[in-house]
Amino acid sequence: MKSVMHSLYSGAIIPWERSEPDSEKRHEILQKLEDEERYFMEKMSLDDCQRFQALSSLHMELSTIGEENLFSYAFTLGMVLAMDVMKEAKGIFND
């Protein structure tokens, strides 16, 4: 297995490519989503409105799964990096 530190240095692992959009843009998009949902819900029948809300819940559930996977990836990457640092530190102090 290639060293995580070497992979980070060489560009094989690029953490910022997995980042979330900036918070201001995210807030703007969330506001637009709320406005559009409100617009459509006002036009729908009660049954359609309930189905639309269920659909929205499914999207949220899917998003949560993605965020959980990202957290797991980032945490694991951090721990592997820490283990690599410890290996390198042993080499420095054992010389």
N, C-alpha and C. Protein backbone atom coordinates (compact mmCIF):
# COMPACT_ATOMS: atom_id res chain seq x y z
N MET A 1 0.85 -1.19 0.00
CA MET A 1 0.00 0.00 0.00
C MET A 1 0.89 1.24 0.00
N LYS A 2 0.56 2.19 -0.86
CA LYS A 2 1.32 3.43 -0.96
C LYS A 2 1.05 4.31 0.25
N SER A 3 2.05 5.00 0.73
CA SER A 3 1.92 5.90 1.87
C SER A 3 0.90 7.00 1.57
N VAL A 4 0.03 7.27 2.52
CA VAL A 4 -0.98 8.32 2.36
C VAL A 4 -0.31 9.67 2.21
N MET A 5 0.74 9.91 2.98
CA MET A 5 1.43 11.20 2.87
C MET A 5 2.00 11.38 1.47
N HIS A 6 2.58 10.32 0.91
CA HIS A 6 3.14 10.41 -0.44
C HIS A 6 2.02 10.59 -1.48
N SER A 7 0.89 9.92 -1.25
CA SER A 7 -0.25 10.05 -2.16
C SER A 7 -0.82 11.46 -2.12
N LEU A 8 -0.88 12.05 -0.93
CA LEU A 8 -1.35 13.44 -0.81
C LEU A 8 -0.39 14.38 -1.52
N TYR A 9 0.90 14.16 -1.32
CA TYR A 9 1.91 15.03 -1.93
C TYR A 9 1.89 14.93 -3.46
N SER A 10 1.76 13.71 -3.97
CA SER A 10 1.82 13.51 -5.42
C SER A 10 0.50 13.82 -6.14
N GLY A 11 -0.55 14.06 -5.37
CA GLY A 11 -1.83 14.39 -5.99
C GLY A 11 -2.72 13.18 -6.27
N ALA A 12 -2.32 12.01 -5.81
CA ALA A 12 -3.16 10.83 -6.00
C ALA A 12 -4.43 10.92 -5.14
N ILE A 13 -4.32 11.60 -4.02
CA ILE A 13 -5.47 11.87 -3.16
C ILE A 13 -5.62 13.39 -3.10
N ILE A 14 -6.80 13.89 -3.48
CA ILE A 14 -7.04 15.34 -3.49
C ILE A 14 -8.28 15.61 -2.64
N PRO A 15 -8.09 15.86 -1.34
CA PRO A 15 -9.23 15.99 -0.42
C PRO A 15 -10.23 17.08 -0.80
N TRP A 16 -9.78 18.21 -1.30
CA TRP A 16 -10.69 19.32 -1.58
C TRP A 16 -11.63 19.04 -2.75
N GLU A 17 -11.37 18.01 -3.52
CA GLU A 17 -12.28 17.65 -4.60
C GLU A 17 -13.56 17.02 -4.06
N ARG A 18 -13.57 16.65 -2.81
CA ARG A 18 -14.75 16.04 -2.20
C ARG A 18 -15.48 17.01 -1.28
N SER A 19 -15.21 18.30 -1.37
CA SER A 19 -15.77 19.26 -0.44
C SER A 19 -17.19 19.69 -0.81
N GLU A 20 -17.87 20.23 0.17
CA GLU A 20 -19.22 20.78 -0.01
C GLU A 20 -19.11 22.17 -0.64
N PRO A 21 -20.17 22.61 -1.33
CA PRO A 21 -20.16 23.99 -1.83
C PRO A 21 -20.10 24.98 -0.67
N ASP A 22 -19.64 26.18 -0.93
CA ASP A 22 -19.53 27.15 0.16
C ASP A 22 -20.90 27.42 0.77
N SER A 23 -20.94 27.79 2.02
CA SER A 23 -22.18 27.87 2.78
C SER A 23 -23.14 28.93 2.23
N GLU A 24 -22.63 30.04 1.71
CA GLU A 24 -23.52 31.07 1.17
C GLU A 24 -24.28 30.55 -0.05
N LYS A 25 -23.58 29.88 -0.93
CA LYS A 25 -24.22 29.30 -2.12
C LYS A 25 -25.21 28.22 -1.71
N ARG A 26 -24.82 27.39 -0.75
CA ARG A 26 -25.71 26.33 -0.26
C ARG A 26 -26.99 26.93 0.31
N HIS A 27 -26.85 27.99 1.09
CA HIS A 27 -28.01 28.66 1.68
C HIS A 27 -28.92 29.21 0.58
N GLU A 28 -28.34 29.80 -0.44
CA GLU A 28 -29.11 30.35 -1.56
C GLU A 28 -29.90 29.26 -2.27
N ILE A 29 -29.27 28.13 -2.50
CA ILE A 29 -29.94 27.01 -3.17
C ILE A 29 -31.05 26.45 -2.30
N LEU A 30 -30.79 26.31 -1.00
CA LEU A 30 -31.82 25.83 -0.09
C LEU A 30 -33.04 26.76 -0.09
N GLN A 31 -32.81 28.06 -0.12
CA GLN A 31 -33.91 29.02 -0.15
C GLN A 31 -34.73 28.86 -1.43
N LYS A 32 -34.05 28.69 -2.56
CA LYS A 32 -34.75 28.50 -3.83
C LYS A 32 -35.57 27.21 -3.81
N LEU A 33 -34.99 26.15 -3.23
CA LEU A 33 -35.72 24.89 -3.12
C LEU A 33 -36.99 25.06 -2.29
N GLU A 34 -36.87 25.73 -1.15
CA GLU A 34 -38.04 25.97 -0.31
C GLU A 34 -39.11 26.76 -1.05
N ASP A 35 -38.71 27.79 -1.76
CA ASP A 35 -39.66 28.61 -2.53
C ASP A 35 -40.38 27.77 -3.58
N GLU A 36 -39.63 26.94 -4.30
CA GLU A 36 -40.24 26.11 -5.34
C GLU A 36 -41.16 25.05 -4.74
N GLU A 37 -40.74 24.44 -3.64
CA GLU A 37 -41.60 23.45 -2.98
C GLU A 37 -42.90 24.09 -2.53
N ARG A 38 -42.80 25.25 -1.93
CA ARG A 38 -44.00 25.96 -1.47
C ARG A 38 -44.93 26.26 -2.65
N TYR A 39 -44.36 26.73 -3.75
CA TYR A 39 -45.16 27.05 -4.94
C TYR A 39 -45.94 25.82 -5.41
N PHE A 40 -45.24 24.69 -5.58
CA PHE A 40 -45.90 23.49 -6.09
C PHE A 40 -46.91 22.93 -5.09
N MET A 41 -46.57 22.97 -3.82
CA MET A 41 -47.49 22.43 -2.81
C MET A 41 -48.79 23.22 -2.75
N GLU A 42 -48.72 24.50 -3.01
CA GLU A 42 -49.94 25.32 -3.04
C GLU A 42 -50.84 24.94 -4.22
N LYS A 43 -50.26 24.42 -5.29
CA LYS A 43 -51.00 24.06 -6.50
C LYS A 43 -51.53 22.62 -6.46
N MET A 44 -51.04 21.80 -5.56
CA MET A 44 -51.35 20.37 -5.57
C MET A 44 -52.57 20.04 -4.72
N SER A 45 -53.13 18.87 -5.05
CA SER A 45 -54.19 18.31 -4.20
C SER A 45 -53.54 17.80 -2.92
N LEU A 46 -54.34 17.47 -1.92
CA LEU A 46 -53.80 16.97 -0.65
C LEU A 46 -53.02 15.68 -0.86
N ASP A 47 -53.54 14.76 -1.69
CA ASP A 47 -52.84 13.50 -1.96
C ASP A 47 -51.51 13.75 -2.67
N ASP A 48 -51.52 14.61 -3.67
CA ASP A 48 -50.28 14.94 -4.37
C ASP A 48 -49.28 15.61 -3.44
N CYS A 49 -49.77 16.45 -2.58
CA CYS A 49 -48.90 17.15 -1.61
C CYS A 49 -48.22 16.14 -0.68
N GLN A 50 -48.97 15.16 -0.21
CA GLN A 50 -48.40 14.14 0.67
C GLN A 50 -47.36 13.30 -0.06
N ARG A 51 -47.64 12.96 -1.31
CA ARG A 51 -46.68 12.19 -2.10
C ARG A 51 -45.42 13.02 -2.37
N PHE A 52 -45.60 14.31 -2.60
CA PHE A 52 -44.46 15.20 -2.83
C PHE A 52 -43.59 15.29 -1.59
N GLN A 53 -44.22 15.36 -0.41
CA GLN A 53 -43.47 15.40 0.83
C GLN A 53 -42.73 14.09 1.07
N ALA A 54 -43.35 12.96 0.71
CA ALA A 54 -42.68 11.66 0.84
C ALA A 54 -41.48 11.59 -0.10
N LEU A 55 -41.64 12.13 -1.31
CA LEU A 55 -40.53 12.17 -2.26
C LEU A 55 -39.38 13.02 -1.71
N SER A 56 -39.72 14.14 -1.12
CA SER A 56 -38.71 15.01 -0.52
C SER A 56 -37.97 14.29 0.60
N SER A 57 -38.69 13.52 1.39
CA SER A 57 -38.07 12.75 2.47
C SER A 57 -37.10 11.71 1.93
N LEU A 58 -37.47 11.08 0.81
CA LEU A 58 -36.57 10.09 0.20
C LEU A 58 -35.30 10.76 -0.30
N HIS A 59 -35.42 11.95 -0.88
CA HIS A 59 -34.22 12.68 -1.32
C HIS A 59 -33.32 13.00 -0.12
N MET A 60 -33.93 13.41 0.99
CA MET A 60 -33.17 13.75 2.19
C MET A 60 -32.46 12.51 2.75
N GLU A 61 -33.16 11.39 2.74
CA GLU A 61 -32.57 10.14 3.23
C GLU A 61 -31.36 9.74 2.37
N LEU A 62 -31.49 9.87 1.07
CA LEU A 62 -30.39 9.55 0.17
C LEU A 62 -29.21 10.49 0.39
N SER A 63 -29.48 11.76 0.60
CA SER A 63 -28.43 12.73 0.87
C SER A 63 -27.70 12.40 2.16
N THR A 64 -28.44 12.00 3.17
CA THR A 64 -27.86 11.65 4.46
C THR A 64 -26.91 10.46 4.33
N ILE A 65 -27.30 9.49 3.52
CA ILE A 65 -26.44 8.33 3.29
C ILE A 65 -25.13 8.78 2.64
N GLY A 66 -25.22 9.69 1.65
CA GLY A 66 -24.02 10.20 1.00
C GLY A 66 -23.12 10.94 1.98
N GLU A 67 -23.71 11.74 2.85
CA GLU A 67 -22.92 12.47 3.84
C GLU A 67 -22.27 11.51 4.83
N GLU A 68 -22.97 10.46 5.20
CA GLU A 68 -22.40 9.47 6.11
C GLU A 68 -21.21 8.78 5.46
N ASN A 69 -21.33 8.44 4.18
CA ASN A 69 -20.21 7.82 3.47
C ASN A 69 -19.02 8.77 3.37
N LEU A 70 -19.28 10.05 3.11
CA LEU A 70 -18.21 11.04 3.03
C LEU A 70 -17.51 11.17 4.38
N PHE A 71 -18.27 11.22 5.47
CA PHE A 71 -17.69 11.32 6.81
C PHE A 71 -16.80 10.11 7.08
N SER A 72 -17.30 8.93 6.75
CA SER A 72 -16.52 7.71 6.97
C SER A 72 -15.22 7.74 6.18
N TYR A 73 -15.30 8.16 4.92
CA TYR A 73 -14.11 8.26 4.07
C TYR A 73 -13.10 9.23 4.67
N ALA A 74 -13.58 10.42 5.04
CA ALA A 74 -12.68 11.45 5.57
C ALA A 74 -12.05 11.02 6.89
N PHE A 75 -12.84 10.41 7.76
CA PHE A 75 -12.32 9.97 9.05
C PHE A 75 -11.26 8.89 8.84
N THR A 76 -11.57 7.93 7.98
CA THR A 76 -10.62 6.84 7.70
C THR A 76 -9.34 7.40 7.09
N LEU A 77 -9.47 8.32 6.15
CA LEU A 77 -8.30 8.94 5.54
C LEU A 77 -7.45 9.65 6.60
N GLY A 78 -8.09 10.35 7.51
CA GLY A 78 -7.37 11.03 8.59
C GLY A 78 -6.62 10.05 9.49
N MET A 79 -7.26 8.93 9.80
CA MET A 79 -6.61 7.94 10.66
C MET A 79 -5.44 7.27 9.94
N VAL A 80 -5.60 6.97 8.66
CA VAL A 80 -4.51 6.37 7.89
C VAL A 80 -3.35 7.36 7.78
N LEU A 81 -3.66 8.62 7.60
CA LEU A 81 -2.62 9.65 7.56
C LEU A 81 -1.87 9.70 8.90
N ALA A 82 -2.62 9.63 10.00
CA ALA A 82 -1.98 9.65 11.32
C ALA A 82 -1.06 8.43 11.49
N MET A 83 -1.50 7.27 11.01
CA MET A 83 -0.65 6.08 11.11
C MET A 83 0.62 6.25 10.27
N ASP A 84 0.50 6.86 9.09
CA ASP A 84 1.67 7.12 8.26
C ASP A 84 2.64 8.08 8.96
N VAL A 85 2.10 9.09 9.59
CA VAL A 85 2.93 10.05 10.30
C VAL A 85 3.69 9.33 11.42
N MET A 86 3.02 8.43 12.11
CA MET A 86 3.68 7.70 13.19
C MET A 86 4.81 6.83 12.63
N LYS A 87 4.60 6.19 11.47
CA LYS A 87 5.66 5.38 10.85
C LYS A 87 6.86 6.26 10.49
N GLU A 88 6.59 7.43 9.90
CA GLU A 88 7.66 8.35 9.53
C GLU A 88 8.39 8.86 10.76
N ALA A 89 7.64 9.14 11.83
CA ALA A 89 8.27 9.64 13.06
C ALA A 89 9.20 8.61 13.66
N LYS A 90 8.82 7.34 13.60
CA LYS A 90 9.70 6.28 14.13
C LYS A 90 11.00 6.25 13.35
N GLY A 91 10.92 6.46 12.04
CA GLY A 91 12.13 6.48 11.21
C GLY A 91 13.03 7.64 11.56
N ILE A 92 12.45 8.77 11.90
CA ILE A 92 13.25 9.95 12.27
C ILE A 92 13.95 9.74 13.61
N PHE A 93 13.22 9.20 14.58
CA PHE A 93 13.78 9.07 15.91
C PHE A 93 14.66 7.82 16.07
N ASN A 94 14.54 6.85 15.19
CA ASN A 94 15.35 5.62 15.27
C ASN A 94 16.66 5.75 14.50
N ASP A 95 16.84 6.83 13.76
CA ASP A 95 18.07 6.99 12.98
C ASP A 95 19.24 7.39 13.82
